[in-house]
Amino acid sequence: MGLPVDLDAVLRARETIAGRILRTPMLGSRTLSELTGAHVRLKAELFQRTGSFKVRGVLAKVASLTGDERRSGVVTWSAGNAAQAVAWAAAGAGIDCRVFMWRTANPLKVAATRGYGAVVDLEAANAAEAYERLLAHVEETGAVFVHPFDDPVLHAGHGSLGVEILEDVPHAATVVVPIGGGGLISGVAVAVKSLRQEARLVGVEPDGAAGMTSALAAGEVVPIAPETVADGLAAPFAGEGTLAVCRELVDEVVVVRDDEIEEAFRFLYARAKLACEPAGAASTAALLAGKVAPEAGSETVAVVSGGNVAPETASAILAAR
């Protein structure tokens, strides 16, 4: 495929992280199946360690560090889910961890990141400023940057999710995956397209954070100013590596509005009994809104990627009708 990650790398990463991640459930949804005409299943990754898929790739990355790199400590830059995953994985490996967030980050995710033992830097006003602070810190200290979405080792770890999907639904015709920076869909794409080439892989972005859509249209990474209720998908740009994978392996990327994400959030809470975060509802939103139209009777999997939602956010969405 000419890409830095292949199925062998995914399977090696899966072996590396085995025993430290959960095999999350694949749940049927009769209501969603009736509404779409397909057999829809939900990959409930919100039950994963630290509340999202992120630990899959992060554990693989931490396991790949040399002794000198471990002694230097790790840093990352994240609105929350990657922050928690890196903090948790670093603590388990006895590695110092600093996380660069920004002042508007989800307070629940900030508190959880600190709870896992990381030092949290909240001096930045936005993601771009936090990224600059991180780069300066790396230059000054030599700490290892664990990228939240654009690293081949990370993608290989995330690919374990794609392997699980096809083990549970071998004849999956459509797999729908949310996109922030593109790390998850990159790993899933390598696994799914390697094991079942005919499967259709669809990415979903909020219209207020459509970095991958912009990058695909421009043919290069385009900085954006994300603004969306789905803070877990609010990356300020797609990755160079994730863009390359999506260009080659992802069949389509669709965009959903925040109100469609919120409707899917309410649907998952009421009908599937899943208390996800808005980012985790994006794939379901694409199905409910008709942005993804699977073939009648086909096997379809929607990834519910995380469940780290602040109570006040959940209450506000559930109360709105």
Protein backbone atom coordinates (compact mmCIF):
# COMPACT_ATOMS: atom_id res chain seq x y z
CA MET A 1 0.00 0.00 0.00
CA GLY A 2 3.02 2.29 0.31
CA LEU A 3 1.92 3.38 3.79
CA PRO A 4 4.02 3.24 6.97
CA VAL A 5 1.57 0.88 8.70
CA ASP A 6 0.47 -2.52 7.42
CA LEU A 7 -1.53 -5.42 8.84
CA ASP A 8 1.58 -7.05 10.29
CA ALA A 9 2.28 -3.89 12.30
CA VAL A 10 -1.32 -3.85 13.52
CA LEU A 11 -1.16 -7.48 14.62
CA ARG A 12 2.16 -6.94 16.41
CA ALA A 13 0.73 -3.92 18.21
CA ARG A 14 -2.34 -5.89 19.16
CA GLU A 15 -0.14 -8.53 20.74
CA THR A 16 1.86 -5.86 22.56
CA ILE A 17 -1.19 -4.26 24.19
CA ALA A 18 -3.07 -7.49 24.87
CA GLY A 19 -4.09 -7.76 28.49
CA ARG A 20 -4.00 -4.01 29.07
CA ILE A 21 -7.01 -3.04 26.96
CA LEU A 22 -10.58 -4.24 27.11
CA ARG A 23 -12.29 -6.07 24.31
CA THR A 24 -15.24 -3.74 24.13
CA PRO A 25 -18.70 -5.07 23.30
CA MET A 26 -20.41 -5.06 19.91
CA LEU A 27 -24.04 -4.13 20.57
CA GLY A 28 -26.98 -4.60 18.24
CA SER A 29 -29.45 -1.76 17.73
CA ARG A 30 -32.87 -2.87 16.52
CA THR A 31 -34.16 0.71 16.32
CA LEU A 32 -31.18 1.96 14.33
CA SER A 33 -31.44 -1.09 12.08
CA GLU A 34 -35.11 -0.39 11.42
CA LEU A 35 -34.42 3.27 10.66
CA THR A 36 -31.59 2.55 8.22
CA GLY A 37 -32.75 -0.75 6.74
CA ALA A 38 -29.35 -2.29 7.54
CA HIS A 39 -28.21 -4.56 10.36
CA VAL A 40 -26.48 -1.96 12.52
CA ARG A 41 -24.14 -2.76 15.38
CA LEU A 42 -22.41 -0.34 17.74
CA LYS A 43 -18.79 -0.92 18.73
CA ALA A 44 -18.95 0.41 22.29
CA GLU A 45 -15.44 1.78 22.72
CA LEU A 46 -16.70 4.19 25.37
CA PHE A 47 -16.18 1.30 27.81
CA GLN A 48 -12.44 1.19 27.01
CA ARG A 49 -9.78 2.03 29.61
CA THR A 50 -9.81 5.81 30.34
CA GLY A 51 -13.13 6.06 28.52
CA SER A 52 -12.05 6.06 24.88
CA PHE A 53 -10.22 4.19 22.12
CA LYS A 54 -7.08 6.29 22.65
CA VAL A 55 -5.32 3.84 24.97
CA ARG A 56 -4.95 1.31 22.16
CA GLY A 57 -2.47 3.40 20.22
CA VAL A 58 -0.92 5.11 23.21
CA LEU A 59 -0.03 1.82 24.91
CA ALA A 60 1.64 0.65 21.71
CA LYS A 61 3.60 3.91 21.50
CA VAL A 62 4.73 3.82 25.14
CA ALA A 63 5.81 0.20 24.75
CA SER A 64 8.02 1.22 21.81
CA LEU A 65 10.05 3.78 23.79
CA THR A 66 13.72 3.14 24.54
CA GLY A 67 15.13 3.31 28.03
CA ASP A 68 16.58 6.78 27.40
CA GLU A 69 13.25 8.00 26.04
CA ARG A 70 11.42 6.71 29.09
CA ARG A 71 13.84 8.52 31.38
CA SER A 72 13.26 11.74 29.43
CA GLY A 73 9.52 11.59 30.12
CA VAL A 74 6.63 12.02 27.71
CA VAL A 75 4.44 14.95 26.74
CA THR A 76 1.32 15.30 24.68
CA TRP A 77 -1.11 17.96 23.50
CA SER A 78 -4.80 17.19 23.71
CA ALA A 79 -8.26 18.43 24.60
CA GLY A 80 -8.76 15.40 26.78
CA ASN A 81 -9.06 11.81 25.57
CA ALA A 82 -5.47 11.46 24.35
CA ALA A 83 -4.37 13.38 27.44
CA GLN A 84 -5.99 10.83 29.72
CA ALA A 85 -4.67 7.88 27.74
CA VAL A 86 -1.07 9.15 27.74
CA ALA A 87 -1.24 10.02 31.44
CA TRP A 88 -2.61 6.58 32.32
CA ALA A 89 -0.16 4.67 30.13
CA ALA A 90 2.80 6.70 31.39
CA ALA A 91 1.82 6.13 35.01
CA GLY A 92 1.60 2.40 34.39
CA ALA A 93 5.10 2.43 32.91
CA GLY A 94 6.58 4.66 35.61
CA ILE A 95 7.25 7.50 33.15
CA ASP A 96 6.91 11.21 33.95
CA CYS A 97 4.16 12.86 31.92
CA ARG A 98 3.20 16.45 31.11
CA VAL A 99 0.09 17.33 29.12
CA PHE A 100 -0.50 20.61 27.31
CA MET A 101 -4.21 21.44 27.23
CA TRP A 102 -6.01 24.78 26.88
CA ARG A 103 -8.23 26.79 29.13
CA THR A 104 -11.48 25.82 27.40
CA ALA A 105 -10.77 22.09 27.72
CA ASN A 106 -13.46 19.88 29.25
CA PRO A 107 -12.98 20.19 33.06
CA LEU A 108 -13.86 16.52 33.54
CA LYS A 109 -11.05 15.51 31.18
CA VAL A 110 -8.60 17.90 32.82
CA ALA A 111 -9.38 16.47 36.26
CA ALA A 112 -9.11 12.90 35.01
CA THR A 113 -5.75 13.60 33.38
CA ARG A 114 -4.41 15.00 36.62
CA GLY A 115 -5.92 12.05 38.46
CA TYR A 116 -3.80 9.69 36.38
CA GLY A 117 -0.72 11.51 37.62
CA ALA A 118 0.17 13.89 34.79
CA VAL A 119 1.23 17.51 35.18
CA VAL A 120 -1.31 19.56 33.21
CA ASP A 121 -0.33 22.86 31.58
CA LEU A 122 -3.43 25.04 31.06
CA GLU A 123 -1.71 28.30 30.18
CA ALA A 124 -2.77 28.30 26.51
CA ALA A 125 -5.93 30.01 25.30
CA ASN A 126 -6.42 27.57 22.42
CA ALA A 127 -5.06 24.44 20.76
CA ALA A 128 -2.58 26.33 18.57
CA GLU A 129 -1.01 28.06 21.57
CA ALA A 130 -0.87 24.79 23.49
CA TYR A 131 0.95 23.17 20.57
CA GLU A 132 3.55 25.95 20.53
CA ARG A 133 4.07 25.58 24.27
CA LEU A 134 4.55 21.84 23.84
CA LEU A 135 7.15 22.28 21.09
CA ALA A 136 9.07 24.75 23.25
CA HIS A 137 8.98 22.32 26.17
CA VAL A 138 10.26 19.46 24.01
CA GLU A 139 13.09 21.66 22.71
CA GLU A 140 14.04 22.68 26.24
CA THR A 141 13.79 19.33 28.01
CA GLY A 142 14.15 16.58 25.40
CA ALA A 143 10.88 14.98 26.49
CA VAL A 144 9.28 12.59 24.00
CA PHE A 145 6.21 13.91 22.19
CA VAL A 146 3.49 11.25 22.06
CA HIS A 147 1.38 12.61 19.24
CA PRO A 148 -2.39 12.43 19.87
CA PHE A 149 -3.18 11.25 16.34
CA ASP A 150 -0.35 11.32 13.80
CA ASP A 151 2.13 8.52 14.51
CA PRO A 152 2.43 5.15 12.70
CA VAL A 153 2.92 3.25 15.98
CA LEU A 154 -0.22 4.90 17.33
CA HIS A 155 -2.14 3.93 14.18
CA ALA A 156 -1.00 0.32 14.51
CA GLY A 157 -2.38 0.18 18.05
CA HIS A 158 -5.67 1.73 16.97
CA GLY A 159 -5.83 -0.87 14.22
CA SER A 160 -6.58 -3.47 16.89
CA LEU A 161 -10.08 -2.00 16.97
CA GLY A 162 -10.52 -2.76 13.28
CA VAL A 163 -9.42 -6.36 13.82
CA GLU A 164 -11.98 -6.75 16.61
CA ILE A 165 -14.73 -5.30 14.43
CA LEU A 166 -14.18 -7.92 11.73
CA GLU A 167 -13.81 -10.73 14.24
CA ASP A 168 -17.22 -9.81 15.65
CA VAL A 169 -18.87 -8.90 12.31
CA PRO A 170 -16.93 -10.84 9.63
CA HIS A 171 -19.23 -9.74 6.80
CA ALA A 172 -19.28 -6.04 7.68
CA ALA A 173 -20.14 -4.10 4.53
CA THR A 174 -19.85 -0.60 6.03
CA VAL A 175 -17.75 0.63 8.96
CA VAL A 176 -18.39 4.18 10.18
CA VAL A 177 -15.67 5.89 12.23
CA PRO A 178 -15.45 9.40 13.73
CA ILE A 179 -12.53 11.62 12.71
CA GLY A 180 -10.73 14.20 14.82
CA GLY A 181 -7.11 14.28 13.69
CA GLY A 182 -7.57 10.96 11.94
CA GLY A 183 -5.61 8.56 14.12
CA LEU A 184 -8.42 6.13 14.81
CA ILE A 185 -9.69 5.87 11.25
CA SER A 186 -6.13 5.43 9.99
CA GLY A 187 -5.55 2.35 12.11
CA VAL A 188 -9.01 0.94 11.51
CA ALA A 189 -8.66 1.53 7.77
CA VAL A 190 -5.41 -0.45 7.55
CA ALA A 191 -6.92 -3.37 9.46
CA VAL A 192 -10.31 -3.42 7.75
CA LYS A 193 -9.07 -2.90 4.20
CA SER A 194 -6.36 -5.54 4.68
CA LEU A 195 -8.77 -8.14 6.01
CA ARG A 196 -11.90 -7.26 4.00
CA GLN A 197 -11.05 -5.08 1.04
CA GLU A 198 -14.65 -4.86 -0.15
CA ALA A 199 -15.83 -3.24 3.09
CA ARG A 200 -16.80 0.42 2.75
CA LEU A 201 -15.04 2.68 5.24
CA VAL A 202 -16.67 6.02 6.04
CA GLY A 203 -15.27 8.78 8.23
CA VAL A 204 -17.44 11.33 10.02
CA GLU A 205 -16.47 14.87 11.04
CA PRO A 206 -18.40 17.73 12.66
CA ASP A 207 -18.97 20.59 10.25
CA GLY A 208 -17.27 22.88 12.77
CA ALA A 209 -14.12 20.76 12.83
CA ALA A 210 -13.82 19.33 9.34
CA GLY A 211 -10.03 19.25 9.14
CA MET A 212 -9.82 16.02 7.17
CA THR A 213 -12.48 17.13 4.69
CA SER A 214 -10.56 20.36 4.15
CA ALA A 215 -7.26 18.52 3.77
CA LEU A 216 -8.66 16.04 1.27
CA ALA A 217 -10.12 18.87 -0.81
CA ALA A 218 -6.89 20.88 -0.74
CA GLY A 219 -4.54 17.93 -1.13
CA GLU A 220 -2.60 19.03 1.93
CA VAL A 221 -3.07 19.71 5.64
CA VAL A 222 -5.14 22.84 6.22
CA PRO A 223 -5.22 24.52 9.68
CA ILE A 224 -8.74 25.15 10.94
CA ALA A 225 -10.34 26.88 13.93
CA PRO A 226 -12.52 24.09 15.35
CA GLU A 227 -15.81 24.95 17.00
CA THR A 228 -18.09 22.03 17.84
CA VAL A 229 -19.96 20.38 20.68
CA ALA A 230 -17.87 17.27 19.91
CA ASP A 231 -14.73 18.46 21.69
CA GLY A 232 -13.13 15.03 21.25
CA LEU A 233 -13.07 15.65 17.47
CA ALA A 234 -11.91 19.27 17.62
CA ALA A 235 -8.40 18.81 16.17
CA PRO A 236 -7.02 22.02 14.62
CA PHE A 237 -5.69 20.10 11.63
CA ALA A 238 -5.53 16.60 10.19
CA GLY A 239 -2.22 14.79 10.37
CA GLU A 240 0.14 14.42 7.42
CA GLY A 241 0.16 10.66 7.93
CA THR A 242 -3.55 10.39 8.57
CA LEU A 243 -4.28 12.38 5.42
CA ALA A 244 -2.19 9.92 3.41
CA VAL A 245 -4.06 6.93 4.85
CA CYS A 246 -7.49 8.50 4.36
CA ARG A 247 -6.67 9.47 0.79
CA GLU A 248 -5.70 5.88 -0.04
CA LEU A 249 -7.99 3.71 2.09
CA VAL A 250 -11.07 5.63 3.25
CA ASP A 251 -13.98 5.50 0.80
CA GLU A 252 -15.77 8.64 1.95
CA VAL A 253 -15.71 11.34 4.62
CA VAL A 254 -19.04 12.94 5.54
CA VAL A 255 -19.83 15.96 7.68
CA VAL A 256 -22.53 16.23 10.35
CA ARG A 257 -23.91 19.27 12.13
CA ASP A 258 -23.77 19.74 15.89
CA ASP A 259 -27.56 19.42 16.17
CA GLU A 260 -27.31 16.05 14.40
CA ILE A 261 -24.60 14.95 16.83
CA GLU A 262 -26.77 16.04 19.75
CA GLU A 263 -29.76 14.13 18.39
CA ALA A 264 -27.59 11.01 18.07
CA PHE A 265 -26.33 11.57 21.61
CA ARG A 266 -29.93 11.56 22.87
CA PHE A 267 -30.74 8.52 20.72
CA LEU A 268 -27.83 6.49 22.11
CA TYR A 269 -28.73 7.48 25.67
CA ALA A 270 -32.42 6.66 25.36
CA ARG A 271 -32.44 3.70 22.96
CA ALA A 272 -29.04 2.03 23.37
CA LYS A 273 -28.51 3.02 27.02
CA LEU A 274 -25.07 4.36 26.14
CA ALA A 275 -23.87 7.47 27.96
CA CYS A 276 -21.29 8.48 25.36
CA GLU A 277 -19.65 11.84 24.71
CA PRO A 278 -20.72 13.97 21.72
CA ALA A 279 -17.68 12.83 19.71
CA GLY A 280 -18.72 9.23 20.31
CA ALA A 281 -22.13 9.92 18.80
CA ALA A 282 -20.79 11.21 15.46
CA SER A 283 -20.95 7.88 13.60
CA THR A 284 -24.50 7.29 14.78
CA ALA A 285 -25.37 10.86 13.77
CA ALA A 286 -24.25 10.16 10.22
CA LEU A 287 -26.54 7.13 10.05
CA LEU A 288 -29.54 8.84 11.64
CA ALA A 289 -29.19 11.90 9.40
CA GLY A 290 -28.89 9.82 6.25
CA LYS A 291 -25.34 11.04 5.58
CA VAL A 292 -24.32 7.38 5.40
CA ALA A 293 -26.81 5.13 3.63
CA PRO A 294 -25.81 1.46 3.92
CA GLU A 295 -27.29 -1.09 1.57
CA ALA A 296 -30.55 -2.64 2.75
CA GLY A 297 -29.92 -5.71 4.87
CA SER A 298 -26.14 -5.19 4.95
CA GLU A 299 -23.98 -5.49 8.05
CA THR A 300 -22.99 -2.04 9.32
CA VAL A 301 -20.80 -1.08 12.28
CA ALA A 302 -20.75 2.38 13.88
CA VAL A 303 -17.91 3.10 16.32
CA VAL A 304 -18.97 4.82 19.56
CA SER A 305 -15.50 6.11 20.28
CA GLY A 306 -15.65 7.56 23.79
CA GLY A 307 -17.68 8.36 26.89
CA ASN A 308 -15.85 11.20 28.64
CA VAL A 309 -18.62 13.76 28.85
CA ALA A 310 -19.03 16.43 31.52
CA PRO A 311 -22.32 16.04 33.45
CA GLU A 312 -23.39 19.58 32.61
CA THR A 313 -22.82 18.96 28.90
CA ALA A 314 -24.82 15.73 28.99
CA SER A 315 -27.64 17.39 30.94
CA ALA A 316 -27.85 20.30 28.51
CA ILE A 317 -28.02 18.04 25.45
CA LEU A 318 -30.55 15.68 27.00
CA ALA A 319 -32.76 18.57 28.09
CA ALA A 320 -32.79 20.18 24.64
CA ARG A 321 -35.53 19.00 22.30
